[in-house]
N, C-alpha and C. Protein backbone atom coordinates (compact mmCIF):
# COMPACT_ATOMS: atom_id res chain seq x y z
N LEU A 1 -14.97 -2.33 29.50
CA LEU A 1 -13.67 -1.79 29.16
C LEU A 1 -13.40 -0.53 29.97
N VAL A 2 -12.12 -0.30 30.24
CA VAL A 2 -11.71 0.90 30.97
C VAL A 2 -10.68 1.62 30.12
N ASP A 3 -10.88 2.91 29.89
CA ASP A 3 -9.90 3.65 29.09
C ASP A 3 -8.76 4.15 29.97
N LEU A 4 -7.84 4.88 29.39
CA LEU A 4 -6.66 5.34 30.12
C LEU A 4 -7.00 6.29 31.26
N ARG A 5 -8.15 6.91 31.19
CA ARG A 5 -8.57 7.81 32.27
C ARG A 5 -9.25 7.04 33.40
N LYS A 6 -9.25 5.72 33.28
CA LYS A 6 -9.85 4.83 34.27
C LYS A 6 -11.36 5.05 34.42
N THR A 7 -11.98 5.35 33.28
CA THR A 7 -13.44 5.46 33.28
C THR A 7 -13.99 4.32 32.42
N SER A 8 -15.17 3.92 32.73
CA SER A 8 -15.80 2.82 32.01
C SER A 8 -16.21 3.28 30.61
N VAL A 9 -16.00 2.40 29.63
CA VAL A 9 -16.35 2.70 28.25
C VAL A 9 -17.23 1.56 27.73
N SER A 10 -18.33 1.92 27.14
CA SER A 10 -19.23 0.93 26.55
C SER A 10 -18.59 0.33 25.30
N ARG A 11 -18.66 -0.98 25.17
CA ARG A 11 -18.12 -1.63 23.96
C ARG A 11 -18.85 -1.16 22.72
N GLU A 12 -20.14 -0.96 22.83
CA GLU A 12 -20.93 -0.49 21.70
C GLU A 12 -20.48 0.91 21.26
N GLU A 13 -20.27 1.80 22.25
CA GLU A 13 -19.80 3.15 21.92
C GLU A 13 -18.43 3.10 21.27
N LEU A 14 -17.56 2.25 21.79
CA LEU A 14 -16.22 2.11 21.23
C LEU A 14 -16.29 1.61 19.79
N LEU A 15 -17.13 0.60 19.55
CA LEU A 15 -17.28 0.07 18.21
C LEU A 15 -17.82 1.13 17.26
N ILE A 16 -18.82 1.89 17.70
CA ILE A 16 -19.39 2.95 16.87
C ILE A 16 -18.32 3.98 16.53
N GLU A 17 -17.50 4.39 17.49
CA GLU A 17 -16.43 5.35 17.23
C GLU A 17 -15.41 4.79 16.24
N CYS A 18 -15.06 3.52 16.40
CA CYS A 18 -14.09 2.89 15.48
C CYS A 18 -14.63 2.84 14.06
N VAL A 19 -15.88 2.43 13.91
CA VAL A 19 -16.50 2.34 12.58
C VAL A 19 -16.61 3.73 11.95
N ASN A 20 -17.01 4.72 12.72
CA ASN A 20 -17.11 6.08 12.19
C ASN A 20 -15.74 6.60 11.76
N SER A 21 -14.72 6.34 12.56
CA SER A 21 -13.38 6.79 12.22
C SER A 21 -12.87 6.09 10.96
N LEU A 22 -13.10 4.79 10.87
CA LEU A 22 -12.69 4.04 9.68
C LEU A 22 -13.41 4.56 8.45
N SER A 23 -14.69 4.82 8.58
CA SER A 23 -15.47 5.35 7.47
C SER A 23 -14.91 6.70 6.99
N ASP A 24 -14.58 7.56 7.93
CA ASP A 24 -13.99 8.86 7.59
C ASP A 24 -12.67 8.69 6.86
N HIS A 25 -11.82 7.79 7.34
CA HIS A 25 -10.52 7.57 6.71
C HIS A 25 -10.68 6.98 5.31
N LEU A 26 -11.61 6.06 5.12
CA LEU A 26 -11.84 5.49 3.79
C LEU A 26 -12.34 6.55 2.83
N ARG A 27 -13.21 7.42 3.29
CA ARG A 27 -13.73 8.50 2.45
C ARG A 27 -12.59 9.44 2.03
N GLN A 28 -11.71 9.77 2.98
CA GLN A 28 -10.56 10.62 2.67
C GLN A 28 -9.63 9.94 1.70
N LEU A 29 -9.44 8.65 1.86
CA LEU A 29 -8.55 7.91 0.97
C LEU A 29 -9.07 7.95 -0.47
N GLN A 30 -10.38 7.82 -0.64
CA GLN A 30 -10.97 7.86 -1.97
C GLN A 30 -10.77 9.21 -2.64
N THR A 31 -10.87 10.29 -1.88
CA THR A 31 -10.77 11.62 -2.50
C THR A 31 -9.34 12.13 -2.57
N ARG A 32 -8.44 11.56 -1.77
CA ARG A 32 -7.07 12.06 -1.72
C ARG A 32 -6.05 11.04 -2.21
N LEU A 33 -6.49 10.02 -2.94
CA LEU A 33 -5.57 8.96 -3.37
C LEU A 33 -4.42 9.46 -4.23
N PRO A 34 -4.64 10.27 -5.26
CA PRO A 34 -3.50 10.70 -6.08
C PRO A 34 -2.39 11.40 -5.28
N PRO A 35 -2.70 12.37 -4.41
CA PRO A 35 -1.62 12.99 -3.65
C PRO A 35 -0.93 12.00 -2.70
N LEU A 36 -1.72 11.09 -2.13
CA LEU A 36 -1.15 10.09 -1.24
C LEU A 36 -0.19 9.18 -2.00
N MET A 37 -0.60 8.71 -3.18
CA MET A 37 0.26 7.83 -3.97
C MET A 37 1.52 8.56 -4.43
N ALA A 38 1.41 9.83 -4.75
CA ALA A 38 2.59 10.61 -5.14
C ALA A 38 3.59 10.67 -3.99
N ARG A 39 3.09 10.86 -2.77
CA ARG A 39 3.99 10.90 -1.60
C ARG A 39 4.64 9.54 -1.36
N ILE A 40 3.84 8.47 -1.48
CA ILE A 40 4.38 7.12 -1.29
C ILE A 40 5.45 6.84 -2.33
N ASN A 41 5.17 7.15 -3.60
CA ASN A 41 6.12 6.87 -4.66
C ASN A 41 7.40 7.69 -4.55
N ALA A 42 7.32 8.82 -3.87
CA ALA A 42 8.51 9.65 -3.70
C ALA A 42 9.49 9.06 -2.69
N VAL A 43 8.99 8.20 -1.79
CA VAL A 43 9.86 7.77 -0.69
C VAL A 43 10.00 6.26 -0.50
N HIS A 44 9.21 5.44 -1.19
CA HIS A 44 9.28 4.01 -0.86
C HIS A 44 10.61 3.40 -1.32
N VAL A 45 11.02 2.36 -0.63
CA VAL A 45 12.38 1.80 -0.75
C VAL A 45 12.66 1.19 -2.12
N LEU A 46 11.65 0.75 -2.85
CA LEU A 46 11.89 0.08 -4.13
C LEU A 46 11.97 1.04 -5.32
N GLN A 47 11.59 2.28 -5.11
CA GLN A 47 11.57 3.25 -6.21
C GLN A 47 12.92 3.32 -6.93
N ARG A 48 12.90 3.15 -8.26
CA ARG A 48 14.07 3.23 -9.13
C ARG A 48 15.11 2.13 -8.87
N ARG A 49 14.71 1.07 -8.21
CA ARG A 49 15.63 -0.05 -7.96
C ARG A 49 15.25 -1.22 -8.86
N ASN A 50 16.23 -2.07 -9.15
CA ASN A 50 15.97 -3.31 -9.85
C ASN A 50 15.39 -4.30 -8.84
N VAL A 51 14.21 -4.83 -9.16
CA VAL A 51 13.45 -5.64 -8.23
C VAL A 51 13.20 -7.02 -8.83
N ILE A 52 13.28 -8.06 -7.98
CA ILE A 52 12.94 -9.42 -8.37
C ILE A 52 11.73 -9.84 -7.56
N VAL A 53 10.69 -10.35 -8.25
CA VAL A 53 9.45 -10.75 -7.60
C VAL A 53 9.13 -12.20 -7.96
N ASP A 54 8.76 -12.99 -6.96
CA ASP A 54 8.31 -14.36 -7.17
C ASP A 54 6.78 -14.35 -7.14
N GLN A 55 6.19 -14.70 -8.27
CA GLN A 55 4.73 -14.78 -8.36
C GLN A 55 4.35 -16.26 -8.47
N ALA A 56 4.21 -16.91 -7.33
CA ALA A 56 3.82 -18.33 -7.28
C ALA A 56 4.73 -19.19 -8.16
N GLY A 57 6.03 -18.98 -8.05
CA GLY A 57 6.99 -19.77 -8.80
C GLY A 57 7.46 -19.14 -10.10
N THR A 58 6.79 -18.12 -10.57
CA THR A 58 7.23 -17.40 -11.76
C THR A 58 8.01 -16.17 -11.29
N ILE A 59 9.27 -16.10 -11.70
CA ILE A 59 10.13 -15.00 -11.29
C ILE A 59 10.10 -13.92 -12.36
N ILE A 60 9.82 -12.71 -11.94
CA ILE A 60 9.90 -11.57 -12.86
C ILE A 60 10.76 -10.51 -12.21
N GLY A 61 11.30 -9.65 -13.02
CA GLY A 61 12.13 -8.58 -12.51
C GLY A 61 12.01 -7.36 -13.39
N GLY A 62 12.48 -6.26 -12.90
CA GLY A 62 12.47 -5.02 -13.65
C GLY A 62 12.79 -3.87 -12.73
N THR A 63 12.82 -2.70 -13.30
CA THR A 63 13.07 -1.49 -12.52
C THR A 63 11.75 -0.96 -12.01
N CYS A 64 11.66 -0.76 -10.71
CA CYS A 64 10.43 -0.26 -10.11
C CYS A 64 10.24 1.20 -10.50
N ILE A 65 9.08 1.48 -11.07
CA ILE A 65 8.76 2.87 -11.40
C ILE A 65 7.60 3.38 -10.55
N GLY A 66 7.19 2.59 -9.56
CA GLY A 66 6.20 3.08 -8.63
C GLY A 66 5.15 2.06 -8.25
N ILE A 67 4.19 2.56 -7.50
CA ILE A 67 3.02 1.81 -7.11
C ILE A 67 1.84 2.57 -7.69
N ASP A 68 0.98 1.86 -8.43
CA ASP A 68 -0.12 2.57 -9.08
C ASP A 68 -1.32 2.73 -8.14
N ASP A 69 -2.36 3.39 -8.61
CA ASP A 69 -3.53 3.67 -7.78
C ASP A 69 -4.28 2.41 -7.35
N ASP A 70 -4.04 1.30 -8.04
CA ASP A 70 -4.66 0.03 -7.66
C ASP A 70 -3.81 -0.74 -6.67
N GLY A 71 -2.65 -0.20 -6.31
CA GLY A 71 -1.77 -0.86 -5.35
C GLY A 71 -0.79 -1.83 -5.98
N CYS A 72 -0.72 -1.86 -7.30
CA CYS A 72 0.20 -2.76 -7.99
C CYS A 72 1.60 -2.16 -8.03
N LEU A 73 2.60 -3.03 -7.87
CA LEU A 73 3.99 -2.63 -8.06
C LEU A 73 4.22 -2.57 -9.56
N VAL A 74 4.73 -1.46 -10.05
CA VAL A 74 4.91 -1.27 -11.49
C VAL A 74 6.39 -1.39 -11.82
N LEU A 75 6.69 -2.36 -12.70
CA LEU A 75 8.08 -2.62 -13.10
C LEU A 75 8.26 -2.36 -14.58
N ARG A 76 9.37 -1.70 -14.94
CA ARG A 76 9.71 -1.48 -16.35
C ARG A 76 10.78 -2.49 -16.73
N GLN A 77 10.51 -3.24 -17.80
CA GLN A 77 11.47 -4.22 -18.30
C GLN A 77 12.54 -3.52 -19.14
N ALA A 78 13.63 -4.20 -19.39
CA ALA A 78 14.73 -3.63 -20.18
C ALA A 78 14.26 -3.22 -21.58
N ASP A 79 13.26 -3.95 -22.13
CA ASP A 79 12.76 -3.62 -23.47
C ASP A 79 11.69 -2.53 -23.44
N GLY A 80 11.43 -1.96 -22.25
CA GLY A 80 10.46 -0.88 -22.12
C GLY A 80 9.06 -1.34 -21.74
N ARG A 81 8.82 -2.64 -21.80
CA ARG A 81 7.51 -3.18 -21.43
C ARG A 81 7.23 -2.91 -19.95
N ILE A 82 5.98 -2.66 -19.62
CA ILE A 82 5.57 -2.38 -18.24
C ILE A 82 4.80 -3.59 -17.70
N ASP A 83 5.20 -4.06 -16.52
CA ASP A 83 4.48 -5.12 -15.81
C ASP A 83 3.89 -4.54 -14.54
N ARG A 84 2.63 -4.89 -14.27
CA ARG A 84 1.96 -4.50 -13.03
C ARG A 84 1.87 -5.75 -12.17
N VAL A 85 2.50 -5.73 -11.00
CA VAL A 85 2.52 -6.88 -10.11
C VAL A 85 1.47 -6.68 -9.03
N ARG A 86 0.42 -7.48 -9.11
CA ARG A 86 -0.68 -7.37 -8.15
C ARG A 86 -0.38 -8.15 -6.88
N SER A 87 0.31 -9.27 -7.01
CA SER A 87 0.66 -10.06 -5.82
C SER A 87 1.95 -10.81 -6.09
N GLY A 88 2.65 -11.14 -5.04
CA GLY A 88 3.89 -11.87 -5.15
C GLY A 88 4.79 -11.52 -3.97
N THR A 89 5.95 -12.11 -3.99
CA THR A 89 6.93 -11.86 -2.93
C THR A 89 8.15 -11.19 -3.52
N VAL A 90 8.50 -10.03 -2.99
CA VAL A 90 9.72 -9.37 -3.44
C VAL A 90 10.89 -10.15 -2.85
N CYS A 91 11.68 -10.77 -3.73
CA CYS A 91 12.80 -11.62 -3.30
C CYS A 91 14.08 -10.82 -3.09
N GLY A 92 14.18 -9.70 -3.76
CA GLY A 92 15.37 -8.88 -3.61
C GLY A 92 15.32 -7.65 -4.47
N TRP A 93 16.24 -6.76 -4.20
CA TRP A 93 16.38 -5.53 -4.98
C TRP A 93 17.79 -5.01 -4.87
N THR A 94 18.20 -4.27 -5.88
CA THR A 94 19.54 -3.66 -5.87
C THR A 94 19.44 -2.21 -6.27
């Protein structure tokens, strides 16, 4: 491999650097998750919108109140019930 400086780079060295960098980022994510999730919830497009989700043919909807620390989309139903959506397809929002 040749980097942008046109010098030869060992694949092993590159792999070691990538793994070390990934490890550092994962460690930071574990210790800084609450502040990160607060920032995400402050700006993501679904926040406070009515959302429709298709979960393998089952349609659910509700008002998005955020994304939790497990990565689930959190929806509040009209009756106040909370649904955590772990997987599915967002079909629309208003």
